[in-house]
Structure formats: C-alpha cells, structure tokens
C-alpha cells in the first residue's frame, strides 16, 4: 500500500491520532500489538489492553515501530503528568467529608451540642455549598480523557 492509499483509508481524529476508516481502530495500537507485543510476549506478560502506546518523539502521526513503545497505563500517565479523574474525585470527596464533619463538631461545641433551627440551616447550607464545590472542581473537562 502506498502513502496515498494509506491516507485515503485512514483519518486523523481530533486528538491527532490516525485511525482506520473501515474499523475505527487506531493505527499506532495495531502496529504496536502486532510488531511489538506479539513478537516479545516474555517482555510484555500482561494483556495488550493493560498497555498504552508511547510515541518516543511525541509525534502522534509517526507510527514507525522504532518510535513506538509499550508501557503500562499508570507509568505512561505519570510520564505525561496525567492525573486520572477518578483519583481527584476520591481525594476531593475525602477532603469534603472532613470539612463537613469539622463543621458539625464546631457547631456542636458552639451551641453546647443542642442543634436549633439556625444550626441545622447552617449545617445544611455548608453541606450544599461543599457539594457544589466538589462537583465544580471535579467536573470532567471536554475533549480530555483524563483530567
């Protein structure tokens, strides 16, 4: 297949990776699977889906075997300073729960552990504001797989 035929049978997605038109599969993952993973199964003991393909020269369209490297997902994310959305949600939820618990303890001490209507309104309003802040900080950004 020459370069013109190859370009006619593929397209570049919005993130800059080349995909096959007929199957929708990425070109770089197909090359990495057949030319790297299947050739050296002793070096790559995990299933192929457990690896990500790293472009050594950072050119997403350079899919030569010499430019591709299979590395585990978390290692690849760390090399690009990518933080998964799930990790930030868990840490922010923990902080939110600590803050809400602290408000409840503070209010209890101030009121002598008697919760009047003002105290309940205060606790509910701070919980609602905290929930909104939790949502705002952890909403997924458009066009990004990991944030």
N, C-alpha and C. Protein backbone atom coordinates (compact mmCIF):
# COMPACT_ATOMS: atom_id res chain seq x y z
N UNK A 1 0.86 -1.17 0.00
CA UNK A 1 0.00 0.00 0.00
C UNK A 1 0.91 1.24 0.00
N UNK A 2 0.66 2.14 -0.93
CA UNK A 2 1.46 3.34 -0.97
C UNK A 2 0.89 4.41 -0.04
N UNK A 3 1.58 5.53 0.08
CA UNK A 3 1.22 6.57 1.02
C UNK A 3 -0.17 7.17 0.72
N UNK A 4 -0.48 7.35 -0.57
CA UNK A 4 -1.77 7.93 -0.94
C UNK A 4 -2.92 7.01 -0.54
N UNK A 5 -2.79 5.71 -0.83
CA UNK A 5 -3.83 4.75 -0.45
C UNK A 5 -3.98 4.71 1.07
N UNK A 6 -2.85 4.73 1.79
CA UNK A 6 -2.88 4.70 3.25
C UNK A 6 -3.65 5.90 3.79
N UNK A 7 -3.38 7.09 3.27
CA UNK A 7 -4.06 8.29 3.73
C UNK A 7 -5.55 8.29 3.37
N UNK A 8 -5.91 7.65 2.24
CA UNK A 8 -7.31 7.55 1.86
C UNK A 8 -8.08 6.60 2.78
N UNK A 9 -7.40 5.58 3.30
CA UNK A 9 -8.05 4.59 4.15
C UNK A 9 -8.02 4.95 5.63
N UNK A 10 -7.37 6.05 5.98
CA UNK A 10 -7.27 6.46 7.39
C UNK A 10 -7.73 7.90 7.55
N UNK A 11 -7.94 8.28 8.79
CA UNK A 11 -8.28 9.67 9.11
C UNK A 11 -7.59 10.04 10.41
N UNK A 12 -7.48 11.31 10.67
CA UNK A 12 -6.86 11.82 11.90
C UNK A 12 -7.97 12.35 12.79
N UNK A 13 -8.04 11.83 14.03
CA UNK A 13 -9.10 12.26 14.94
C UNK A 13 -8.75 13.62 15.57
N UNK A 14 -9.65 14.13 16.41
CA UNK A 14 -9.48 15.46 16.99
C UNK A 14 -8.29 15.55 17.95
N UNK A 15 -7.81 14.39 18.46
CA UNK A 15 -6.65 14.39 19.35
C UNK A 15 -5.34 14.25 18.60
N UNK A 16 -5.42 14.04 17.28
CA UNK A 16 -4.21 13.98 16.46
C UNK A 16 -3.70 12.58 16.16
N UNK A 17 -4.49 11.54 16.46
CA UNK A 17 -4.08 10.16 16.18
C UNK A 17 -4.72 9.69 14.88
N UNK A 18 -4.02 8.81 14.16
CA UNK A 18 -4.53 8.26 12.91
C UNK A 18 -5.33 6.99 13.17
N UNK A 19 -6.52 6.88 12.55
CA UNK A 19 -7.42 5.73 12.70
C UNK A 19 -7.79 5.18 11.33
N UNK A 20 -8.10 3.88 11.31
CA UNK A 20 -8.59 3.23 10.08
C UNK A 20 -10.05 3.60 9.89
N UNK A 21 -10.44 3.98 8.67
CA UNK A 21 -11.83 4.35 8.38
C UNK A 21 -12.77 3.15 8.47
N UNK A 22 -12.32 1.99 7.98
CA UNK A 22 -13.22 0.84 7.91
C UNK A 22 -13.51 0.21 9.28
N UNK A 23 -12.57 0.29 10.21
CA UNK A 23 -12.78 -0.36 11.52
C UNK A 23 -12.85 0.63 12.68
N UNK A 24 -12.32 1.82 12.50
CA UNK A 24 -12.31 2.79 13.58
C UNK A 24 -11.21 2.53 14.61
N UNK A 25 -10.32 1.58 14.33
CA UNK A 25 -9.24 1.25 15.26
C UNK A 25 -8.04 2.14 14.99
N UNK A 26 -7.27 2.40 16.04
CA UNK A 26 -6.11 3.26 15.90
C UNK A 26 -4.96 2.52 15.21
N UNK A 27 -4.27 3.23 14.36
CA UNK A 27 -3.16 2.65 13.60
C UNK A 27 -2.01 2.31 14.53
N UNK A 28 -1.67 3.23 15.44
CA UNK A 28 -0.50 3.01 16.30
C UNK A 28 -0.69 1.82 17.25
N UNK A 29 -1.91 1.60 17.74
CA UNK A 29 -2.14 0.45 18.63
C UNK A 29 -2.07 -0.86 17.84
N UNK A 30 -2.55 -0.85 16.60
CA UNK A 30 -2.47 -2.05 15.77
C UNK A 30 -1.04 -2.42 15.46
N UNK A 31 -0.24 -1.42 15.13
CA UNK A 31 1.18 -1.68 14.84
C UNK A 31 1.88 -2.18 16.11
N UNK A 32 1.61 -1.54 17.23
CA UNK A 32 2.26 -1.93 18.48
C UNK A 32 1.86 -3.35 18.89
N UNK A 33 0.60 -3.70 18.67
CA UNK A 33 0.15 -5.04 19.04
C UNK A 33 0.85 -6.11 18.20
N UNK A 34 0.87 -5.91 16.89
CA UNK A 34 1.40 -6.95 16.01
C UNK A 34 2.93 -6.97 15.92
N UNK A 35 3.55 -5.81 16.00
CA UNK A 35 5.00 -5.75 15.78
C UNK A 35 5.82 -5.71 17.07
N UNK A 36 5.18 -5.36 18.21
CA UNK A 36 5.93 -5.28 19.47
C UNK A 36 5.41 -6.31 20.47
N UNK A 37 4.12 -6.24 20.80
CA UNK A 37 3.54 -7.09 21.86
C UNK A 37 3.56 -8.57 21.48
N UNK A 38 3.09 -8.90 20.28
CA UNK A 38 3.03 -10.31 19.87
C UNK A 38 4.42 -10.89 19.61
N UNK A 39 5.37 -10.08 19.23
CA UNK A 39 6.73 -10.56 18.93
C UNK A 39 7.53 -10.87 20.19
N UNK A 40 7.23 -10.19 21.28
CA UNK A 40 8.03 -10.34 22.50
C UNK A 40 7.12 -10.50 23.73
N UNK A 41 6.38 -11.61 23.77
CA UNK A 41 5.41 -11.84 24.84
C UNK A 41 6.07 -12.02 26.21
N UNK A 42 7.34 -12.44 26.24
CA UNK A 42 8.03 -12.59 27.53
C UNK A 42 8.29 -11.23 28.18
N UNK A 43 8.55 -10.24 27.36
CA UNK A 43 8.80 -8.90 27.88
C UNK A 43 7.51 -8.21 28.31
N UNK A 44 6.38 -8.60 27.70
CA UNK A 44 5.08 -7.99 27.99
C UNK A 44 4.11 -9.06 28.47
N UNK A 45 4.15 -9.42 29.75
CA UNK A 45 3.33 -10.52 30.26
C UNK A 45 1.85 -10.20 30.42
N UNK A 46 1.50 -8.91 30.51
CA UNK A 46 0.10 -8.52 30.70
C UNK A 46 -0.65 -8.56 29.38
N UNK A 47 -1.99 -8.49 29.48
CA UNK A 47 -2.80 -8.42 28.27
C UNK A 47 -2.51 -7.10 27.56
N UNK A 48 -2.73 -7.05 26.27
CA UNK A 48 -2.40 -5.86 25.50
C UNK A 48 -3.17 -4.63 25.98
N UNK A 49 -4.41 -4.82 26.44
CA UNK A 49 -5.22 -3.69 26.89
C UNK A 49 -4.64 -3.02 28.14
N UNK A 50 -3.72 -3.69 28.84
CA UNK A 50 -3.10 -3.14 30.03
C UNK A 50 -1.94 -2.18 29.69
N UNK A 51 -1.64 -2.04 28.42
CA UNK A 51 -0.54 -1.18 27.99
C UNK A 51 -1.06 0.00 27.18
N UNK A 52 -0.29 1.08 27.21
CA UNK A 52 -0.54 2.20 26.32
C UNK A 52 0.66 2.35 25.40
N UNK A 53 0.42 2.92 24.24
CA UNK A 53 1.49 3.10 23.26
C UNK A 53 2.04 4.51 23.41
N UNK A 54 3.33 4.58 23.66
CA UNK A 54 4.01 5.87 23.83
C UNK A 54 4.79 6.18 22.57
N UNK A 55 4.59 7.38 22.02
CA UNK A 55 5.37 7.85 20.87
C UNK A 55 6.62 8.52 21.42
N UNK A 56 7.76 7.92 21.20
CA UNK A 56 9.02 8.40 21.78
C UNK A 56 9.34 9.83 21.37
N UNK A 57 9.10 10.18 20.11
CA UNK A 57 9.44 11.53 19.65
C UNK A 57 8.25 12.51 19.79
N UNK A 58 7.18 12.06 20.45
CA UNK A 58 5.99 12.84 20.73
C UNK A 58 5.19 13.24 19.48
N UNK A 59 5.51 12.66 18.33
CA UNK A 59 4.76 12.90 17.10
C UNK A 59 3.72 11.80 16.96
N UNK A 60 2.46 12.14 17.14
CA UNK A 60 1.38 11.15 17.14
C UNK A 60 1.17 10.50 15.78
N UNK A 61 1.66 11.12 14.73
CA UNK A 61 1.49 10.57 13.39
C UNK A 61 2.68 9.73 12.94
N UNK A 62 3.75 9.72 13.73
CA UNK A 62 4.93 8.90 13.41
C UNK A 62 4.73 7.52 14.04
N UNK A 63 4.18 6.61 13.24
CA UNK A 63 3.84 5.28 13.75
C UNK A 63 4.83 4.21 13.33
N UNK A 64 6.08 4.60 13.12
CA UNK A 64 7.13 3.62 12.86
C UNK A 64 7.39 2.82 14.13
N UNK A 65 7.68 1.55 13.97
CA UNK A 65 7.90 0.66 15.12
C UNK A 65 9.00 1.21 16.03
N UNK A 66 10.03 1.79 15.45
CA UNK A 66 11.13 2.33 16.26
C UNK A 66 10.69 3.48 17.15
N UNK A 67 9.60 4.16 16.79
CA UNK A 67 9.11 5.30 17.56
C UNK A 67 8.08 4.90 18.61
N UNK A 68 7.58 3.68 18.54
CA UNK A 68 6.54 3.24 19.46
C UNK A 68 7.12 2.43 20.60
N UNK A 69 6.50 2.60 21.77
CA UNK A 69 6.95 1.88 22.97
C UNK A 69 5.71 1.50 23.78
N UNK A 70 5.66 0.25 24.22
CA UNK A 70 4.55 -0.19 25.07
C UNK A 70 4.94 -0.01 26.53
N UNK A 71 4.14 0.74 27.26
CA UNK A 71 4.37 0.88 28.70
C UNK A 71 3.04 0.77 29.41
N UNK A 72 3.09 0.40 30.69
CA UNK A 72 1.87 0.22 31.45
C UNK A 72 1.15 1.56 31.61
N UNK A 73 -0.16 1.48 31.75
CA UNK A 73 -1.02 2.66 31.74
C UNK A 73 -0.60 3.69 32.76
N UNK A 74 -0.44 3.30 34.02
CA UNK A 74 -0.12 4.27 35.07
C UNK A 74 1.26 4.91 34.84
N UNK A 75 2.22 4.12 34.39
CA UNK A 75 3.55 4.63 34.10
C UNK A 75 3.49 5.67 32.97
N UNK A 76 2.68 5.39 31.96
CA UNK A 76 2.52 6.32 30.84
C UNK A 76 1.86 7.62 31.31
N UNK A 77 0.85 7.50 32.14
CA UNK A 77 0.18 8.70 32.66
C UNK A 77 1.14 9.56 33.47
N UNK A 78 1.95 8.92 34.30
CA UNK A 78 2.91 9.67 35.10
C UNK A 78 3.97 10.34 34.23
N UNK A 79 4.39 9.68 33.15
CA UNK A 79 5.41 10.27 32.28
C UNK A 79 4.89 11.53 31.58
N UNK A 80 3.56 11.61 31.39
CA UNK A 80 2.96 12.78 30.75
C UNK A 80 2.27 13.69 31.76
N UNK A 81 2.46 13.42 33.05
CA UNK A 81 1.84 14.20 34.13
C UNK A 81 0.32 14.23 33.99
N UNK A 82 -0.25 13.07 33.71
CA UNK A 82 -1.70 12.92 33.58
C UNK A 82 -2.24 12.36 34.88
N UNK A 83 -3.29 12.98 35.39
CA UNK A 83 -3.94 12.50 36.61
C UNK A 83 -5.34 12.05 36.25
N UNK A 84 -5.64 10.84 36.60
CA UNK A 84 -6.97 10.32 36.29
C UNK A 84 -8.04 11.05 37.09
N UNK A 85 -9.16 11.26 36.45
CA UNK A 85 -10.29 11.94 37.08
C UNK A 85 -10.75 11.22 38.34
N UNK A 86 -10.71 9.88 38.33
CA UNK A 86 -11.19 9.11 39.48
C UNK A 86 -10.37 9.40 40.73
N UNK A 87 -9.06 9.58 40.58
CA UNK A 87 -8.21 9.83 41.74
C UNK A 87 -8.53 11.18 42.36
N UNK A 88 -8.77 12.20 41.55
CA UNK A 88 -9.08 13.51 42.10
C UNK A 88 -10.45 13.52 42.77
N UNK A 89 -11.40 12.74 42.27
CA UNK A 89 -12.72 12.67 42.90
C UNK A 89 -12.59 12.05 44.29
N UNK A 90 -11.84 10.99 44.41
CA UNK A 90 -11.69 10.32 45.71
C UNK A 90 -11.02 11.24 46.72
N UNK A 91 -9.94 11.91 46.32
CA UNK A 91 -9.24 12.79 47.27
C UNK A 91 -10.11 13.98 47.65
N UNK A 92 -10.85 14.55 46.69
CA UNK A 92 -11.70 15.70 46.99
C UNK A 92 -12.88 15.28 47.86
N UNK A 93 -13.43 14.12 47.63
CA UNK A 93 -14.52 13.63 48.46
C UNK A 93 -14.05 13.44 49.90
N UNK A 94 -12.86 12.93 50.09
CA UNK A 94 -12.32 12.76 51.43
C UNK A 94 -12.18 14.12 52.13
N UNK A 95 -11.64 15.10 51.42
CA UNK A 95 -11.49 16.45 52.00
C UNK A 95 -12.85 17.04 52.33
N UNK A 96 -13.82 16.87 51.44
CA UNK A 96 -15.17 17.37 51.67
C UNK A 96 -15.77 16.76 52.93
N UNK A 97 -15.63 15.45 53.10
CA UNK A 97 -16.18 14.80 54.28
C UNK A 97 -15.51 15.29 55.56
N UNK A 98 -14.21 15.53 55.52
CA UNK A 98 -13.50 16.06 56.69
C UNK A 98 -14.01 17.46 57.03
N UNK A 99 -14.21 18.30 56.02
CA UNK A 99 -14.70 19.66 56.26
C UNK A 99 -16.11 19.63 56.84
N UNK A 100 -17.00 18.81 56.26
CA UNK A 100 -18.38 18.73 56.78
C UNK A 100 -18.37 18.21 58.21
N UNK A 101 -17.59 17.20 58.48
CA UNK A 101 -17.50 16.66 59.84
C UNK A 101 -16.99 17.72 60.81
N UNK A 102 -16.00 18.50 60.36
CA UNK A 102 -15.45 19.57 61.21
C UNK A 102 -16.50 20.63 61.51
N UNK A 103 -17.30 20.98 60.48
CA UNK A 103 -18.38 21.95 60.71
C UNK A 103 -19.38 21.43 61.75
N UNK A 104 -19.73 20.17 61.65
CA UNK A 104 -20.68 19.60 62.60
C UNK A 104 -20.11 19.64 64.02
N UNK A 105 -18.85 19.30 64.18
CA UNK A 105 -18.22 19.33 65.50
C UNK A 105 -18.15 20.76 66.02
N UNK A 106 -17.73 21.70 65.17
CA UNK A 106 -17.63 23.11 65.58
C UNK A 106 -18.99 23.64 66.02
N UNK A 107 -20.00 23.38 65.22
CA UNK A 107 -21.34 23.87 65.56
C UNK A 107 -21.84 23.23 66.85
N UNK A 108 -21.53 21.96 67.02
CA UNK A 108 -21.94 21.30 68.25
C UNK A 108 -21.29 21.90 69.48
N UNK A 109 -20.03 22.25 69.39
CA UNK A 109 -19.34 22.85 70.53
C UNK A 109 -19.85 24.26 70.81
N UNK A 110 -20.11 25.03 69.75
CA UNK A 110 -20.59 26.41 69.93
C UNK A 110 -21.96 26.41 70.57
N UNK A 111 -22.82 25.51 70.17
CA UNK A 111 -24.20 25.51 70.68
C UNK A 111 -24.35 24.61 71.90
N UNK A 112 -23.27 24.06 72.37
CA UNK A 112 -23.38 23.16 73.52
C UNK A 112 -24.06 21.86 73.16
N UNK A 113 -23.88 21.41 71.94
CA UNK A 113 -24.44 20.16 71.41
C UNK A 113 -25.96 20.15 71.39
N UNK A 114 -26.56 21.35 71.28
CA UNK A 114 -28.00 21.43 71.04
C UNK A 114 -28.20 22.04 69.66
N UNK A 115 -28.83 21.32 68.80
CA UNK A 115 -28.99 21.77 67.42
C UNK A 115 -30.34 22.46 67.27
N UNK A 116 -30.32 23.80 67.21
CA UNK A 116 -31.53 24.55 66.95
C UNK A 116 -31.71 24.73 65.45
N UNK A 117 -32.74 25.46 65.03
CA UNK A 117 -33.04 25.60 63.61
C UNK A 117 -31.92 26.34 62.88
N UNK A 118 -31.29 27.33 63.53
CA UNK A 118 -30.19 28.06 62.90
C UNK A 118 -29.01 27.11 62.65
N UNK A 119 -28.74 26.26 63.60
CA UNK A 119 -27.64 25.32 63.45
C UNK A 119 -27.87 24.33 62.32
N UNK A 120 -29.09 23.84 62.23
CA UNK A 120 -29.43 22.88 61.17
C UNK A 120 -29.34 23.56 59.80
N UNK A 121 -29.87 24.78 59.70
CA UNK A 121 -29.79 25.52 58.43
C UNK A 121 -28.33 25.76 58.06
N UNK A 122 -27.51 26.12 59.05
CA UNK A 122 -26.09 26.36 58.81
C UNK A 122 -25.41 25.09 58.31
N UNK A 123 -25.67 23.96 58.97
CA UNK A 123 -25.06 22.70 58.56
C UNK A 123 -25.49 22.30 57.15
N UNK A 124 -26.78 22.42 56.86
CA UNK A 124 -27.28 22.05 55.54
C UNK A 124 -26.72 22.97 54.45
N UNK A 125 -26.66 24.27 54.74
CA UNK A 125 -26.15 25.20 53.72
C UNK A 125 -24.67 24.95 53.45
N UNK A 126 -23.89 24.70 54.49
CA UNK A 126 -22.46 24.43 54.25
C UNK A 126 -22.28 23.10 53.51
N UNK A 127 -23.12 22.12 53.79
CA UNK A 127 -23.04 20.85 53.08
C UNK A 127 -23.40 21.02 51.60
N UNK A 128 -24.42 21.81 51.32
CA UNK A 128 -24.83 22.06 49.93
C UNK A 128 -23.74 22.83 49.18
N UNK A 129 -23.18 23.86 49.83
CA UNK A 129 -22.10 24.63 49.20
C UNK A 129 -20.89 23.73 48.96
N UNK A 130 -20.57 22.91 49.93
CA UNK A 130 -19.44 21.98 49.77
C UNK A 130 -19.69 20.99 48.65
N UNK A 131 -20.91 20.49 48.53
CA UNK A 131 -21.25 19.57 47.44
C UNK A 131 -21.12 20.24 46.08
N UNK A 132 -21.56 21.50 46.00
CA UNK A 132 -21.42 22.25 44.75
C UNK A 132 -19.94 22.43 44.40
N UNK A 133 -19.13 22.80 45.40
CA UNK A 133 -17.69 22.97 45.15
C UNK A 133 -17.06 21.65 44.72
N UNK A 134 -17.47 20.54 45.33
CA UNK A 134 -16.96 19.23 44.95
C UNK A 134 -17.29 18.93 43.49
N UNK A 135 -18.52 19.21 43.08
CA UNK A 135 -18.90 19.00 41.69
C UNK A 135 -18.11 19.91 40.76
N UNK A 136 -17.98 21.18 41.14
CA UNK A 136 -17.32 22.16 40.29
C UNK A 136 -15.85 21.82 40.05
N UNK A 137 -15.16 21.41 41.10
CA UNK A 137 -13.74 21.10 40.99
C UNK A 137 -13.52 19.82 40.18
N UNK A 138 -14.41 18.85 40.30
CA UNK A 138 -14.18 17.54 39.70
C UNK A 138 -14.96 17.26 38.43
N UNK A 139 -15.59 18.28 37.86
CA UNK A 139 -16.31 18.02 36.61
C UNK A 139 -15.29 17.71 35.52
N UNK A 140 -15.67 16.84 34.62
CA UNK A 140 -14.75 16.44 33.54
C UNK A 140 -14.67 17.55 32.51
N UNK A 141 -13.47 17.79 32.04
CA UNK A 141 -13.26 18.79 31.01
C UNK A 141 -13.60 18.17 29.65
N UNK A 142 -14.14 18.97 28.76
CA UNK A 142 -14.50 18.49 27.43
C UNK A 142 -13.25 18.17 26.63
N UNK A 143 -13.30 17.09 25.89
CA UNK A 143 -12.23 16.75 24.97
C UNK A 143 -11.01 16.10 25.63
N UNK A 144 -11.10 15.78 26.91
CA UNK A 144 -9.97 15.16 27.58
C UNK A 144 -10.42 13.83 28.16
N UNK A 145 -9.59 12.83 28.00
CA UNK A 145 -9.91 11.53 28.58
C UNK A 145 -9.56 11.50 30.06
N UNK A 146 -8.46 12.13 30.41
CA UNK A 146 -8.03 12.21 31.80
C UNK A 146 -7.86 13.66 32.19
N UNK A 147 -8.31 13.98 33.36
CA UNK A 147 -8.16 15.35 33.87
C UNK A 147 -7.85 15.28 35.34
